[in-house]
C-alpha atoms as a PDB file:
ATOM      1  CA  MET A   1     -34.608  15.822  11.520  1.00  0.00           C
ATOM      2  CA  LYS A   2     -30.958  15.932  10.276  1.00  0.00           C
ATOM      3  CA  LEU A   3     -28.152  14.719  12.487  1.00  0.00           C
ATOM      4  CA  ASP A   4     -25.083  16.945  12.924  1.00  0.00           C
ATOM      5  CA  ILE A   5     -22.326  14.077  12.183  1.00  0.00           C
ATOM      6  CA  ARG A   6     -20.064  15.462  14.467  1.00  0.00           C
ATOM      7  CA  THR A   7     -22.234  14.721  17.242  1.00  0.00           C
ATOM      8  CA  ASP A   8     -23.391  11.216  16.096  1.00  0.00           C
ATOM      9  CA  PHE A   9     -19.291  10.308  15.866  1.00  0.00           C
ATOM     10  CA  THR A  10     -19.152  10.730  19.807  1.00  0.00           C
ATOM     11  CA  LYS A  11     -21.434   7.820  19.468  1.00  0.00           C
ATOM     12  CA  PHE A  12     -18.876   5.410  18.207  1.00  0.00           C
ATOM     13  CA  PRO A  13     -15.981   3.929  19.949  1.00  0.00           C
ATOM     14  CA  ARG A  14     -12.712   5.206  18.588  1.00  0.00           C
ATOM     15  CA  ALA A  15      -9.797   3.837  17.232  1.00  0.00           C
ATOM     16  CA  VAL A  16      -6.725   5.171  18.024  1.00  0.00           C
ATOM     17  CA  SER A  17      -3.613   2.732  17.138  1.00  0.00           C
ATOM     18  CA  VAL A  18      -2.889   0.405  14.519  1.00  0.00           C
ATOM     19  CA  LEU A  19      -1.749  -3.601  15.766  1.00  0.00           C
ATOM     20  CA  PRO A  20       0.360  -4.875  12.585  1.00  0.00           C
ATOM     21  CA  ALA A  21      -1.230  -8.104  11.681  1.00  0.00           C
ATOM     22  CA  GLY A  22       0.456 -11.319  13.660  1.00  0.00           C
ATOM     23  CA  GLU A  23       0.827  -9.041  16.316  1.00  0.00           C
ATOM     24  CA  ALA A  24      -2.307  -9.375  18.293  1.00  0.00           C
ATOM     25  CA  GLY A  25      -1.585 -12.619  19.822  1.00  0.00           C
ATOM     26  CA  ALA A  26      -4.554 -14.547  21.332  1.00  0.00           C
ATOM     27  CA  THR A  27      -6.462 -11.231  21.304  1.00  0.00           C
ATOM     28  CA  VAL A  28     -10.087 -12.027  20.154  1.00  0.00           C
ATOM     29  CA  PRO A  29     -11.210  -9.078  18.255  1.00  0.00           C
ATOM     30  CA  TYR A  30     -14.394  -7.256  18.959  1.00  0.00           C
ATOM     31  CA  GLY A  31     -15.418  -7.066  15.580  1.00  0.00           C
ATOM     32  CA  ARG A  32     -14.377  -6.789  12.052  1.00  0.00           C
ATOM     33  CA  ALA A  33     -14.432  -4.361   9.133  1.00  0.00           C
ATOM     34  CA  VAL A  34     -14.213  -5.969   5.439  1.00  0.00           C
ATOM     35  CA  LEU A  35     -12.544  -3.164   3.408  1.00  0.00           C
ATOM     36  CA  ALA A  36     -11.538  -2.916  -0.258  1.00  0.00           C
ATOM     37  CA  HIS A  37      -8.117  -1.695  -0.597  1.00  0.00           C
ATOM     38  CA  ASP A  38      -8.980   1.753  -1.182  1.00  0.00           C
ATOM     39  CA  GLU A  39     -10.758   1.821   1.750  1.00  0.00           C
ATOM     40  CA  ARG A  40      -7.970   0.688   3.761  1.00  0.00           C
ATOM     41  CA  HIS A  41      -6.165   3.949   3.670  1.00  0.00           C
ATOM     42  CA  LEU A  42      -7.411   6.069   6.248  1.00  0.00           C
ATOM     43  CA  ARG A  43      -6.950   8.551   9.482  1.00  0.00           C
ATOM     44  CA  ARG A  44     -10.301   9.924  10.177  1.00  0.00           C
ATOM     45  CA  ARG A  45     -13.273   8.511   9.108  1.00  0.00           C
ATOM     46  CA  ALA A  46     -16.333   6.156  10.363  1.00  0.00           C
ATOM     47  CA  ILE A  47     -16.000   2.548   9.050  1.00  0.00           C
ATOM     48  CA  GLU A  48     -18.866   0.103   9.451  1.00  0.00           C
ATOM     49  CA  LEU A  49     -18.253  -3.625  10.984  1.00  0.00           C
ATOM     50  CA  SER A  50     -19.166  -6.473   9.785  1.00  0.00           C
ATOM     51  CA  GLY A  51     -21.658  -7.566  12.326  1.00  0.00           C
ATOM     52  CA  GLY A  52     -23.222  -4.343  12.706  1.00  0.00           C
ATOM     53  CA  GLY A  53     -22.129  -1.167  14.615  1.00  0.00           C
ATOM     54  CA  LYS A  54     -19.618   1.222  13.283  1.00  0.00           C
ATOM     55  CA  VAL A  55     -16.177   2.562  15.095  1.00  0.00           C
ATOM     56  CA  LEU A  56     -14.680   6.063  14.704  1.00  0.00           C
ATOM     57  CA  VAL A  57     -10.682   5.774  13.216  1.00  0.00           C
ATOM     58  CA  ASP A  58      -9.210   8.593  14.412  1.00  0.00           C
ATOM     59  CA  LEU A  59      -5.197   8.489  13.882  1.00  0.00           C
ATOM     60  CA  ALA A  60      -2.623  10.941  14.251  1.00  0.00           C
ATOM     61  CA  GLU A  61      -1.013   9.912  10.697  1.00  0.00           C
ATOM     62  CA  PRO A  62      -2.584   8.582   7.390  1.00  0.00           C
ATOM     63  CA  VAL A  63      -2.176   4.873   7.392  1.00  0.00           C
ATOM     64  CA  ALA A  64      -2.358   2.177   4.631  1.00  0.00           C
ATOM     65  CA  LEU A  65      -4.371  -1.017   6.842  1.00  0.00           C
ATOM     66  CA  ASN A  66      -3.458  -4.714   5.064  1.00  0.00           C
ATOM     67  CA  ASP A  67      -5.333  -7.332   5.586  1.00  0.00           C
ATOM     68  CA  GLY A  68      -5.102  -9.062   9.124  1.00  0.00           C
ATOM     69  CA  ASP A  69      -4.125  -5.747  10.607  1.00  0.00           C
ATOM     70  CA  ARG A  70      -5.849  -4.298  14.150  1.00  0.00           C
ATOM     71  CA  LEU A  71      -7.502  -0.999  14.762  1.00  0.00           C
ATOM     72  CA  VAL A  72      -7.322  -0.709  18.762  1.00  0.00           C
ATOM     73  CA  LEU A  73      -9.755   1.142  20.325  1.00  0.00           C
ATOM     74  CA  GLU A  74      -9.527   3.531  23.310  1.00  0.00           C
ATOM     75  CA  ASP A  75     -10.980   0.996  25.770  1.00  0.00           C
ATOM     76  CA  GLY A  76      -7.931  -1.936  24.439  1.00  0.00           C
ATOM     77  CA  ARG A  77     -10.519  -3.942  21.534  1.00  0.00           C
ATOM     78  CA  HIS A  78      -9.553  -4.822  18.617  1.00  0.00           C
ATOM     79  CA  VAL A  79     -11.147  -4.075  15.332  1.00  0.00           C
ATOM     80  CA  GLU A  80      -9.346  -6.644  12.648  1.00  0.00           C
ATOM     81  CA  ILE A  81      -9.325  -5.335   9.105  1.00  0.00           C
ATOM     82  CA  ILE A  82     -10.327  -8.116   6.348  1.00  0.00           C
ATOM     83  CA  ALA A  83      -9.307  -7.355   2.628  1.00  0.00           C
ATOM     84  CA  ALA A  84     -12.629  -7.214   0.700  1.00  0.00           C
ATOM     85  CA  ARG A  85     -13.354  -9.607  -2.866  1.00  0.00           C
ATOM     86  CA  GLU A  86     -12.683  -7.184  -5.414  1.00  0.00           C
ATOM     87  CA  GLU A  87     -12.982  -7.641  -9.202  1.00  0.00           C
ATOM     88  CA  VAL A  88      -9.374  -8.520 -10.417  1.00  0.00           C
ATOM     89  CA  TYR A  89      -7.049 -10.217 -12.740  1.00  0.00           C
ATOM     90  CA  ASP A  90      -5.054 -13.032 -12.420  1.00  0.00           C
ATOM     91  CA  ILE A  91      -2.023 -12.488 -14.265  1.00  0.00           C
ATOM     92  CA  ARG A  92       0.238 -15.652 -15.208  1.00  0.00           C
ATOM     93  CA  ALA A  93       3.454 -15.880 -17.299  1.00  0.00           C
ATOM     94  CA  ARG A  94       5.129 -18.229 -19.365  1.00  0.00           C
ATOM     95  CA  ASP A  95       8.466 -18.355 -16.969  1.00  0.00           C
ATOM     96  CA  GLY A  96      10.114 -16.303 -13.918  1.00  0.00           C
ATOM     97  CA  VAL A  97      11.821 -13.771 -16.401  1.00  0.00           C
ATOM     98  CA  HIS A  98       8.426 -13.354 -17.854  1.00  0.00           C
ATOM     99  CA  LEU A  99       6.696 -12.390 -15.154  1.00  0.00           C
ATOM    100  CA  THR A 100       9.409  -9.796 -14.327  1.00  0.00           C
ATOM    101  CA  GLU A 101       9.006  -8.182 -17.542  1.00  0.00           C
ATOM    102  CA  LEU A 102       4.743  -8.103 -16.664  1.00  0.00           C
ATOM    103  CA  ALA A 103       5.253  -6.321 -13.515  1.00  0.00           C
ATOM    104  CA  TRP A 104       7.631  -3.899 -15.219  1.00  0.00           C
ATOM    105  CA  HIS A 105       5.119  -2.933 -17.603  1.00  0.00           C
ATOM    106  CA  ILE A 106       2.396  -2.952 -15.016  1.00  0.00           C
ATOM    107  CA  GLY A 107       4.544  -0.682 -12.277  1.00  0.00           C
ATOM    108  CA  ASN A 108       5.973   1.876 -15.867  1.00  0.00           C
ATOM    109  CA  ARG A 109       2.090   2.693 -15.629  1.00  0.00           C
ATOM    110  CA  HIS A 110       2.008   3.218 -11.989  1.00  0.00           C
ATOM    111  CA  LEU A 111      -1.118   0.362 -11.230  1.00  0.00           C
ATOM    112  CA  ALA A 112      -1.240  -1.010  -7.904  1.00  0.00           C
ATOM    113  CA  ALA A 113      -0.426  -4.528  -8.405  1.00  0.00           C
ATOM    114  CA  GLY A 114      -0.205  -7.670  -4.926  1.00  0.00           C
ATOM    115  CA  ILE A 115       2.562  -9.529  -6.440  1.00  0.00           C
ATOM    116  CA  GLU A 116       2.998 -13.259  -5.525  1.00  0.00           C
ATOM    117  CA  ALA A 117       5.682 -15.934  -6.657  1.00  0.00           C
ATOM    118  CA  ASN A 118       3.755 -17.235  -9.730  1.00  0.00           C
ATOM    119  CA  ARG A 119       1.643 -14.527 -10.314  1.00  0.00           C
ATOM    120  CA  ILE A 120       0.523 -10.772 -10.283  1.00  0.00           C
ATOM    121  CA  ILE A 121      -2.964  -9.535  -9.278  1.00  0.00           C
ATOM    122  CA  ILE A 122      -4.344  -6.113 -10.858  1.00  0.00           C
ATOM    123  CA  LEU A 123      -7.688  -3.811 -10.610  1.00  0.00           C
ATOM    124  CA  ARG A 124      -9.568  -4.800 -13.817  1.00  0.00           C
ATOM    125  CA  ASP A 125      -9.227  -2.503 -16.830  1.00  0.00           C
ATOM    126  CA  HIS A 126      -9.616  -3.724 -20.399  1.00  0.00           C
ATOM    127  CA  VAL A 127      -6.598  -2.053 -21.694  1.00  0.00           C
ATOM    128  CA  ILE A 128      -4.269  -2.901 -19.357  1.00  0.00           C
ATOM    129  CA  LYS A 129      -5.617  -6.349 -20.273  1.00  0.00           C
ATOM    130  CA  ALA A 130      -4.710  -6.120 -24.003  1.00  0.00           C
ATOM    131  CA  MET A 131      -1.587  -4.862 -23.347  1.00  0.00           C
ATOM    132  CA  LEU A 132      -0.971  -7.379 -20.971  1.00  0.00           C
ATOM    133  CA  GLU A 133      -2.073 -10.252 -23.651  1.00  0.00           C
ATOM    134  CA  GLY A 134      -0.308  -8.703 -26.157  1.00  0.00           C
ATOM    135  CA  LEU A 135       3.028  -9.417 -24.091  1.00  0.00           C
ATOM    136  CA  GLY A 136       2.042 -13.096 -23.854  1.00  0.00           C
ATOM    137  CA  ALA A 137       0.067 -13.003 -20.425  1.00  0.00           C
ATOM    138  CA  THR A 138      -2.421 -15.138 -19.436  1.00  0.00           C
ATOM    139  CA  VAL A 139      -5.356 -13.152 -17.698  1.00  0.00           C
ATOM    140  CA  THR A 140      -8.178 -14.474 -16.057  1.00  0.00           C
ATOM    141  CA  GLU A 141     -10.959 -12.762 -14.503  1.00  0.00           C
ATOM    142  CA  VAL A 142     -11.407 -13.415 -10.703  1.00  0.00           C
ATOM    143  CA  SER A 143     -13.280 -11.855  -7.681  1.00  0.00           C
ATOM    144  CA  GLU A 144     -10.572 -12.381  -4.289  1.00  0.00           C
ATOM    145  CA  PRO A 145      -9.203  -9.873  -1.972  1.00  0.00           C
ATOM    146  CA  PHE A 146      -6.591  -7.443  -3.277  1.00  0.00           C
ATOM    147  CA  ARG A 147      -3.940  -6.777  -1.398  1.00  0.00           C
ATOM    148  CA  PRO A 148      -1.784  -4.569  -3.338  1.00  0.00           C
ATOM    149  CA  VAL A 149       2.398  -4.398  -2.594  1.00  0.00           C
ATOM    150  CA  ARG A 150       3.194  -0.940  -0.559  1.00  0.00           C
ATOM    151  CA  GLY A 151       5.411   0.945  -2.358  1.00  0.00           C
ATOM    152  CA  ALA A 152       8.902   2.330  -0.919  1.00  0.00           C
ATOM    153  CA  TYR A 153       7.497   5.770  -0.473  1.00  0.00           C
ATOM    154  CA  SER A 154       4.534   4.339   2.255  1.00  0.00           C
ATOM    155  CA  GLY A 155       7.123   4.880   4.995  1.00  0.00           C
ATOM    156  CA  GLY A 156       6.951   0.649   5.693  1.00  0.00           C
ATOM    157  CA  HIS A 157       4.284  -0.046   8.080  1.00  0.00           C
ATOM    158  CA  ASP A 158       4.161   3.093   9.600  1.00  0.00           C
ATOM    159  CA  HIS A 159       1.531   3.717   6.654  1.00  0.00           C
ATOM    160  CA  GLY A 160       2.879   7.058   5.371  1.00  0.00           C
ATOM    161  CA  HIS A 161       0.300   7.063   2.549  1.00  0.00           C
ATOM    162  CA  ALA A 162       0.248  10.919   2.014  1.00  0.00           C
ATOM    163  CA  ASP A 163       3.724  10.749   1.118  1.00  0.00           C
ATOM    164  CA  ALA A 164       3.202   8.125  -1.459  1.00  0.00           C
ATOM    165  CA  GLU A 165       0.275   9.997  -2.812  1.00  0.00           C
ATOM    166  CA  ALA A 166       2.169  13.074  -3.122  1.00  0.00           C
ATOM    167  CA  HIS A 167       5.004  10.972  -5.071  1.00  0.00           C
ATOM    168  CA  ALA A 168       2.462   9.479  -7.492  1.00  0.00           C
ATOM    169  CA  HIS A 169       0.993  13.627  -8.072  1.00  0.00           C
ATOM    170  CA  SER A 170       4.034  15.188  -8.466  1.00  0.00           C
ATOM    171  CA  HIS A 171       5.351  12.275 -11.165  1.00  0.00           C
ATOM    172  CA  ALA A 172       2.069  12.617 -12.876  1.00  0.00           C
ATOM    173  CA  GLU A 173       2.486  15.771 -12.907  1.00  0.00           C
ATOM    174  CA  GLY A 174       5.514  16.214 -14.988  1.00  0.00           C
ATOM    175  CA  HIS A 175       8.535  14.512 -12.738  1.00  0.00           C
ATOM    176  CA  SER A 176       8.904  17.521 -10.421  1.00  0.00           C
ATOM    177  CA  HIS A 177      10.014  15.124  -7.534  1.00  0.00           C
ATOM    178  CA  ALA A 178      13.707  15.235  -6.400  1.00  0.00           C
ATOM    179  CA  HIS A 179      14.729  12.172  -8.684  1.00  0.00           C
ATOM    180  CA  SER A 180      14.250  14.126 -11.659  1.00  0.00           C
ATOM    181  CA  GLU A 181      17.200  16.716 -10.372  1.00  0.00           C
ATOM    182  CA  SER A 182      19.389  14.156 -10.385  1.00  0.00           C
ATOM    183  CA  HIS A 183      19.566  13.414 -13.919  1.00  0.00           C
ATOM    184  CA  SER A 184      22.465  15.678 -14.999  1.00  0.00           C
ATOM    185  CA  HIS A 185      23.671  13.341 -17.567  1.00  0.00           C
ATOM    186  CA  SER A 186      22.899  15.186 -21.146  1.00  0.00           C
ATOM    187  CA  HIS A 187      19.683  13.058 -23.146  1.00  0.00           C
ATOM    188  CA  ALA A 188      20.393  14.256 -26.407  1.00  0.00           C
ATOM    189  CA  GLY A 189      20.363  11.689 -28.855  1.00  0.00           C
ATOM    190  CA  HIS A 190      18.059   9.280 -27.082  1.00  0.00           C
ATOM    191  CA  HIS A 191      14.847   9.012 -26.114  1.00  0.00           C
ATOM    192  CA  HIS A 192      13.040   8.530 -22.700  1.00  0.00           C
ATOM    193  CA  ASP A 193       9.678   6.710 -23.016  1.00  0.00           C
ATOM    194  CA  HIS A 194       7.227   7.386 -20.016  1.00  0.00           C
ATOM    195  CA  ASP A 195       4.575   5.891 -21.531  1.00  0.00           C
END
């Protein structure tokens, strides 16, 4: 017998808000959900808890959850979000200036990246690995939680992922966002490489 998924949702505890990491005080979580970086973008979806069972995430706005954030259930219990281990590259540079240059090349390709004081973490991609090694980076394959930096269009911790997604899509579709309209100066005589 096929279950009606809408009826099935009523069996799950409902998460209705988000508490940023570090703001839960001494509250012990009711459960934990281990999610990859792309699974941490939520609005309305059932997620599995690591100890078994499910929770229905039912939020007013799309959110981009960070490692350690808490989903708050209707009854006040918390579900802690844990960043899952993922197959990533650990990218090291010769010095701080070189690391900044590598970050620029990664950002120019609109790749999600975790930025730390002495390294950059990105999802594995052999083409990008070859490019970074060609630029003098040391690239190592590791498996660890991936915590990409949230962009300026994500609306801070209020998690406006929809805005970030819209910006990324319009950018990919020919620079149709407002930024391109501010280019009122002449482009004659020089070339912009948006590679």
